[in-house]
Amino acid sequence: ENFGWMQDDPDAIPALIKAVGPGLRSQPDTRNWTDRARYDGLIKAFPFAVSCDFKPFPLEADGSHPRYDLKRCFQIGWDAGFRGPWCLEHFHDDLGKQFKEMAFLRDQLRSWMKAAKKP
């Protein structure tokens, strides 16, 4: 998983996998990248992924996510051939809002997957 020293280095995951060997796989985390490295890091990590922490920052009241483009993160994984699991990791101080946002994120992922499967 891209954390610590890997957060700002899009080449870290593929370099580590190459150094260790083919038995090592990745678990990209959409939130853990720096803003500068996020999309390039996902492009380079998803070909090795066996899971993904789909972890957004808090959502706005309308469900938007201003910190980074969640759909773009999904699309990068999908285009790399990753089909899941998409592990939702999301936190909110208000448990009711957390459940609502988790359901919203689940529904977003489902709709994006359904749309991506169409020819």
N, C-alpha and C. Protein backbone atom coordinates (compact mmCIF):
# COMPACT_ATOMS: atom_id res chain seq x y z
N GLU A 1 0.85 -1.18 0.00
CA GLU A 1 0.00 0.00 0.00
C GLU A 1 0.90 1.24 0.00
N ASN A 2 0.48 2.22 -0.74
CA ASN A 2 1.23 3.48 -0.83
C ASN A 2 1.06 4.28 0.46
N PHE A 3 2.07 4.19 1.30
CA PHE A 3 2.05 4.93 2.56
C PHE A 3 3.48 5.29 2.92
N GLY A 4 3.62 6.32 3.73
CA GLY A 4 4.96 6.74 4.16
C GLY A 4 5.78 7.22 2.98
N TRP A 5 6.94 6.64 2.81
CA TRP A 5 7.88 7.09 1.78
C TRP A 5 7.33 6.90 0.37
N MET A 6 6.30 6.09 0.18
CA MET A 6 5.74 5.85 -1.15
C MET A 6 4.74 6.91 -1.59
N GLN A 7 4.22 7.70 -0.66
CA GLN A 7 3.09 8.59 -0.95
C GLN A 7 3.35 9.62 -2.04
N ASP A 8 4.58 10.01 -2.23
CA ASP A 8 4.89 11.04 -3.21
C ASP A 8 5.71 10.50 -4.38
N ASP A 9 5.81 9.18 -4.47
CA ASP A 9 6.63 8.56 -5.52
C ASP A 9 5.78 7.60 -6.34
N PRO A 10 5.27 8.03 -7.49
CA PRO A 10 4.43 7.16 -8.32
C PRO A 10 5.12 5.88 -8.78
N ASP A 11 6.45 5.87 -8.80
CA ASP A 11 7.19 4.69 -9.24
C ASP A 11 7.52 3.72 -8.12
N ALA A 12 7.20 4.07 -6.87
CA ALA A 12 7.62 3.27 -5.73
C ALA A 12 7.03 1.86 -5.75
N ILE A 13 5.73 1.72 -6.00
CA ILE A 13 5.10 0.39 -5.96
C ILE A 13 5.66 -0.51 -7.05
N PRO A 14 5.68 -0.09 -8.32
CA PRO A 14 6.25 -1.01 -9.32
C PRO A 14 7.73 -1.30 -9.08
N ALA A 15 8.48 -0.33 -8.57
CA ALA A 15 9.91 -0.57 -8.30
C ALA A 15 10.08 -1.60 -7.19
N LEU A 16 9.28 -1.49 -6.14
CA LEU A 16 9.37 -2.44 -5.03
C LEU A 16 8.97 -3.84 -5.49
N ILE A 17 7.91 -3.94 -6.26
CA ILE A 17 7.47 -5.25 -6.76
C ILE A 17 8.54 -5.86 -7.66
N LYS A 18 9.15 -5.06 -8.51
CA LYS A 18 10.22 -5.55 -9.37
C LYS A 18 11.41 -6.04 -8.54
N ALA A 19 11.74 -5.30 -7.47
CA ALA A 19 12.88 -5.68 -6.63
C ALA A 19 12.61 -6.96 -5.83
N VAL A 20 11.37 -7.12 -5.34
CA VAL A 20 11.04 -8.28 -4.52
C VAL A 20 10.74 -9.50 -5.37
N GLY A 21 10.01 -9.30 -6.45
CA GLY A 21 9.67 -10.41 -7.33
C GLY A 21 8.19 -10.54 -7.55
N PRO A 22 7.80 -11.45 -8.42
CA PRO A 22 6.40 -11.54 -8.88
C PRO A 22 5.40 -11.98 -7.82
N GLY A 23 5.82 -12.48 -6.66
CA GLY A 23 4.87 -12.89 -5.63
C GLY A 23 4.27 -11.72 -4.87
N LEU A 24 4.84 -10.54 -5.00
CA LEU A 24 4.34 -9.36 -4.31
C LEU A 24 3.33 -8.64 -5.18
N ARG A 25 2.23 -8.21 -4.58
CA ARG A 25 1.19 -7.48 -5.30
C ARG A 25 0.91 -6.17 -4.57
N SER A 26 0.09 -5.32 -5.16
CA SER A 26 -0.19 -4.02 -4.55
C SER A 26 -1.63 -3.91 -4.07
N GLN A 27 -1.82 -2.94 -3.19
CA GLN A 27 -3.14 -2.55 -2.71
C GLN A 27 -3.18 -1.03 -2.71
N PRO A 28 -3.40 -0.42 -3.89
CA PRO A 28 -3.40 1.03 -3.95
C PRO A 28 -4.49 1.64 -3.07
N ASP A 29 -4.15 2.74 -2.45
CA ASP A 29 -5.07 3.49 -1.60
C ASP A 29 -5.28 4.85 -2.26
N THR A 30 -6.51 5.15 -2.63
CA THR A 30 -6.77 6.39 -3.37
C THR A 30 -6.44 7.63 -2.56
N ARG A 31 -6.53 7.56 -1.25
CA ARG A 31 -6.32 8.75 -0.42
C ARG A 31 -4.85 8.96 -0.04
N ASN A 32 -4.09 7.91 0.09
CA ASN A 32 -2.74 8.03 0.65
C ASN A 32 -1.73 8.74 -0.25
N TRP A 33 -2.00 8.91 -1.51
CA TRP A 33 -1.06 9.62 -2.38
C TRP A 33 -1.06 11.11 -2.06
N THR A 34 0.04 11.76 -2.34
CA THR A 34 0.02 13.21 -2.33
C THR A 34 -0.77 13.65 -3.56
N ASP A 35 -1.26 14.87 -3.56
CA ASP A 35 -2.03 15.35 -4.72
C ASP A 35 -1.19 15.31 -5.99
N ARG A 36 0.10 15.56 -5.87
CA ARG A 36 0.98 15.57 -7.03
C ARG A 36 1.15 14.18 -7.64
N ALA A 37 1.14 13.15 -6.79
CA ALA A 37 1.46 11.80 -7.26
C ALA A 37 0.26 10.89 -7.46
N ARG A 38 -0.94 11.32 -7.04
CA ARG A 38 -2.10 10.42 -6.98
C ARG A 38 -2.39 9.69 -8.28
N TYR A 39 -2.69 10.40 -9.35
CA TYR A 39 -3.18 9.73 -10.56
C TYR A 39 -2.07 8.92 -11.25
N ASP A 40 -0.87 9.46 -11.32
CA ASP A 40 0.24 8.72 -11.91
C ASP A 40 0.57 7.49 -11.07
N GLY A 41 0.51 7.65 -9.75
CA GLY A 41 0.75 6.51 -8.86
C GLY A 41 -0.28 5.41 -9.05
N LEU A 42 -1.55 5.79 -9.19
CA LEU A 42 -2.59 4.79 -9.43
C LEU A 42 -2.41 4.10 -10.78
N ILE A 43 -2.06 4.87 -11.79
CA ILE A 43 -1.82 4.27 -13.11
C ILE A 43 -0.72 3.21 -13.03
N LYS A 44 0.31 3.48 -12.25
CA LYS A 44 1.44 2.56 -12.15
C LYS A 44 1.20 1.42 -11.16
N ALA A 45 0.33 1.61 -10.18
CA ALA A 45 0.10 0.58 -9.16
C ALA A 45 -1.02 -0.39 -9.52
N PHE A 46 -2.06 0.07 -10.20
CA PHE A 46 -3.21 -0.79 -10.47
C PHE A 46 -2.89 -2.03 -11.30
N PRO A 47 -1.95 -2.02 -12.21
CA PRO A 47 -1.66 -3.27 -12.91
C PRO A 47 -1.19 -4.41 -11.99
N PHE A 48 -0.74 -4.08 -10.79
CA PHE A 48 -0.27 -5.07 -9.82
C PHE A 48 -1.26 -5.30 -8.69
N ALA A 49 -2.44 -4.69 -8.75
CA ALA A 49 -3.37 -4.67 -7.62
C ALA A 49 -4.16 -5.96 -7.46
N VAL A 50 -4.32 -6.35 -6.20
CA VAL A 50 -5.21 -7.45 -5.83
C VAL A 50 -6.37 -6.93 -4.97
N SER A 51 -6.29 -5.68 -4.55
CA SER A 51 -7.32 -5.03 -3.76
C SER A 51 -7.08 -3.52 -3.87
N CYS A 52 -8.06 -2.75 -3.47
CA CYS A 52 -7.92 -1.29 -3.49
C CYS A 52 -8.64 -0.71 -2.29
N ASP A 53 -7.96 0.16 -1.54
CA ASP A 53 -8.63 0.93 -0.51
C ASP A 53 -9.19 2.17 -1.19
N PHE A 54 -10.48 2.16 -1.42
CA PHE A 54 -11.16 3.30 -2.03
C PHE A 54 -11.55 4.21 -0.89
N LYS A 55 -10.66 5.15 -0.58
CA LYS A 55 -10.75 5.92 0.66
C LYS A 55 -10.81 7.41 0.37
N PRO A 56 -11.99 7.99 0.38
CA PRO A 56 -12.11 9.43 0.15
C PRO A 56 -11.98 10.23 1.45
N PHE A 57 -11.78 11.51 1.28
CA PHE A 57 -11.90 12.45 2.38
C PHE A 57 -13.40 12.67 2.61
N PRO A 58 -13.78 13.42 3.63
CA PRO A 58 -15.22 13.67 3.85
C PRO A 58 -15.89 14.25 2.61
N LEU A 59 -17.12 13.82 2.39
CA LEU A 59 -17.90 14.29 1.25
C LEU A 59 -18.63 15.58 1.61
N GLU A 60 -18.93 16.36 0.59
CA GLU A 60 -19.75 17.56 0.77
C GLU A 60 -21.21 17.11 0.93
N ALA A 61 -22.08 18.02 1.34
CA ALA A 61 -23.49 17.69 1.56
C ALA A 61 -24.16 17.14 0.30
N ASP A 62 -23.71 17.58 -0.88
CA ASP A 62 -24.30 17.10 -2.13
C ASP A 62 -23.64 15.81 -2.63
N GLY A 63 -22.71 15.25 -1.85
CA GLY A 63 -22.04 14.01 -2.24
C GLY A 63 -20.77 14.22 -3.04
N SER A 64 -20.45 15.46 -3.34
CA SER A 64 -19.23 15.71 -4.13
C SER A 64 -17.99 15.52 -3.25
N HIS A 65 -16.89 15.35 -3.91
CA HIS A 65 -15.61 15.11 -3.24
C HIS A 65 -14.58 16.07 -3.83
N PRO A 66 -14.43 17.26 -3.24
CA PRO A 66 -13.58 18.28 -3.84
C PRO A 66 -12.08 18.02 -3.76
N ARG A 67 -11.62 17.11 -2.90
CA ARG A 67 -10.18 16.91 -2.73
C ARG A 67 -9.52 16.28 -3.95
N TYR A 68 -10.19 15.32 -4.58
CA TYR A 68 -9.69 14.70 -5.81
C TYR A 68 -10.84 13.98 -6.50
N ASP A 69 -10.61 13.58 -7.72
CA ASP A 69 -11.65 13.01 -8.57
C ASP A 69 -11.79 11.50 -8.32
N LEU A 70 -12.82 11.13 -7.56
CA LEU A 70 -13.04 9.73 -7.22
C LEU A 70 -13.33 8.88 -8.45
N LYS A 71 -14.11 9.41 -9.36
CA LYS A 71 -14.44 8.64 -10.56
C LYS A 71 -13.18 8.41 -11.40
N ARG A 72 -12.32 9.38 -11.46
CA ARG A 72 -11.06 9.21 -12.20
C ARG A 72 -10.21 8.10 -11.56
N CYS A 73 -10.18 8.05 -10.24
CA CYS A 73 -9.45 6.98 -9.55
C CYS A 73 -10.03 5.62 -9.92
N PHE A 74 -11.37 5.52 -9.89
CA PHE A 74 -12.03 4.28 -10.30
C PHE A 74 -11.66 3.93 -11.74
N GLN A 75 -11.76 4.90 -12.64
CA GLN A 75 -11.54 4.64 -14.05
C GLN A 75 -10.11 4.18 -14.33
N ILE A 76 -9.15 4.73 -13.61
CA ILE A 76 -7.76 4.30 -13.77
C ILE A 76 -7.65 2.81 -13.43
N GLY A 77 -8.26 2.41 -12.33
CA GLY A 77 -8.22 0.99 -11.95
C GLY A 77 -8.94 0.12 -12.95
N TRP A 78 -10.11 0.55 -13.37
CA TRP A 78 -10.90 -0.23 -14.33
C TRP A 78 -10.14 -0.40 -15.65
N ASP A 79 -9.56 0.69 -16.12
CA ASP A 79 -8.81 0.64 -17.38
C ASP A 79 -7.59 -0.27 -17.29
N ALA A 80 -7.06 -0.44 -16.07
CA ALA A 80 -5.91 -1.33 -15.86
C ALA A 80 -6.34 -2.79 -15.74
N GLY A 81 -7.65 -3.04 -15.77
CA GLY A 81 -8.16 -4.40 -15.67
C GLY A 81 -8.54 -4.82 -14.25
N PHE A 82 -8.46 -3.90 -13.30
CA PHE A 82 -8.81 -4.21 -11.92
C PHE A 82 -10.33 -4.24 -11.77
N ARG A 83 -10.85 -5.33 -11.19
CA ARG A 83 -12.29 -5.47 -11.02
C ARG A 83 -12.70 -5.62 -9.56
N GLY A 84 -11.78 -5.44 -8.66
CA GLY A 84 -12.11 -5.47 -7.25
C GLY A 84 -11.30 -6.52 -6.51
N PRO A 85 -11.43 -6.49 -5.22
CA PRO A 85 -12.40 -5.74 -4.44
C PRO A 85 -12.02 -4.28 -4.26
N TRP A 86 -13.07 -3.46 -4.25
CA TRP A 86 -12.95 -2.03 -3.95
C TRP A 86 -13.34 -1.90 -2.49
N CYS A 87 -12.40 -1.82 -1.61
CA CYS A 87 -12.67 -1.76 -0.17
C CYS A 87 -12.93 -0.33 0.26
N LEU A 88 -14.16 -0.07 0.66
CA LEU A 88 -14.52 1.28 1.10
C LEU A 88 -13.96 1.51 2.49
N GLU A 89 -13.16 2.54 2.60
CA GLU A 89 -12.60 2.94 3.88
C GLU A 89 -12.97 4.42 4.04
N HIS A 90 -13.88 4.69 4.94
CA HIS A 90 -14.40 6.05 5.06
C HIS A 90 -14.79 6.31 6.50
N PHE A 91 -14.48 7.49 6.99
CA PHE A 91 -14.72 7.82 8.38
C PHE A 91 -15.49 9.14 8.50
N HIS A 92 -16.33 9.21 9.50
CA HIS A 92 -17.06 10.44 9.78
C HIS A 92 -17.35 10.45 11.28
N ASP A 93 -17.27 11.60 11.91
CA ASP A 93 -17.55 11.71 13.35
C ASP A 93 -19.01 11.38 13.67
N ASP A 94 -19.90 11.64 12.74
CA ASP A 94 -21.32 11.38 12.91
C ASP A 94 -21.63 10.03 12.26
N LEU A 95 -21.97 9.02 13.09
CA LEU A 95 -22.18 7.67 12.58
C LEU A 95 -23.30 7.60 11.54
N GLY A 96 -24.36 8.36 11.74
CA GLY A 96 -25.45 8.38 10.76
C GLY A 96 -24.97 8.90 9.40
N LYS A 97 -24.18 9.96 9.42
CA LYS A 97 -23.63 10.50 8.17
C LYS A 97 -22.64 9.53 7.55
N GLN A 98 -21.89 8.83 8.40
CA GLN A 98 -20.94 7.85 7.85
C GLN A 98 -21.67 6.76 7.09
N PHE A 99 -22.73 6.22 7.67
CA PHE A 99 -23.50 5.18 6.97
C PHE A 99 -24.10 5.71 5.67
N LYS A 100 -24.60 6.94 5.71
CA LYS A 100 -25.18 7.54 4.50
C LYS A 100 -24.11 7.71 3.42
N GLU A 101 -22.93 8.20 3.80
CA GLU A 101 -21.86 8.41 2.83
C GLU A 101 -21.31 7.08 2.31
N MET A 102 -21.22 6.07 3.18
CA MET A 102 -20.75 4.75 2.73
C MET A 102 -21.72 4.18 1.69
N ALA A 103 -23.02 4.33 1.93
CA ALA A 103 -24.02 3.85 0.97
C ALA A 103 -23.91 4.63 -0.34
N PHE A 104 -23.69 5.93 -0.24
CA PHE A 104 -23.52 6.75 -1.44
C PHE A 104 -22.30 6.29 -2.24
N LEU A 105 -21.19 6.06 -1.56
CA LEU A 105 -19.97 5.60 -2.24
C LEU A 105 -20.18 4.23 -2.87
N ARG A 106 -20.83 3.33 -2.15
CA ARG A 106 -21.15 2.01 -2.71
C ARG A 106 -21.96 2.15 -3.98
N ASP A 107 -22.97 3.00 -3.93
CA ASP A 107 -23.83 3.18 -5.10
C ASP A 107 -23.08 3.82 -6.26
N GLN A 108 -22.17 4.74 -5.97
CA GLN A 108 -21.35 5.35 -7.02
C GLN A 108 -20.50 4.28 -7.69
N LEU A 109 -19.82 3.47 -6.91
CA LEU A 109 -18.99 2.41 -7.48
C LEU A 109 -19.83 1.46 -8.33
N ARG A 110 -20.99 1.07 -7.84
CA ARG A 110 -21.86 0.18 -8.62
C ARG A 110 -22.27 0.81 -9.94
N SER A 111 -22.63 2.09 -9.90
CA SER A 111 -23.06 2.74 -11.15
C SER A 111 -21.91 2.88 -12.13
N TRP A 112 -20.71 3.18 -11.63
CA TRP A 112 -19.54 3.29 -12.51
C TRP A 112 -19.19 1.94 -13.12
N MET A 113 -19.27 0.87 -12.32
CA MET A 113 -18.98 -0.47 -12.85
C MET A 113 -20.00 -0.86 -13.91
N LYS A 114 -21.26 -0.59 -13.64
CA LYS A 114 -22.32 -0.93 -14.61
C LYS A 114 -22.10 -0.18 -15.91
N ALA A 115 -21.79 1.11 -15.83
CA ALA A 115 -21.55 1.92 -17.02
C ALA A 115 -20.31 1.45 -17.76
N ALA A 116 -19.28 1.03 -17.03
CA ALA A 116 -18.03 0.61 -17.65
C ALA A 116 -18.17 -0.72 -18.38
N LYS A 117 -19.11 -1.54 -17.97
CA LYS A 117 -19.31 -2.84 -18.61
C LYS A 117 -20.03 -2.76 -19.94
N LYS A 118 -20.71 -1.63 -20.18
CA LYS A 118 -21.44 -1.48 -21.45
C LYS A 118 -20.46 -1.27 -22.58
N PRO A 119 -20.74 -1.89 -23.76
CA PRO A 119 -19.81 -1.76 -24.89
C PRO A 119 -19.72 -0.35 -25.44
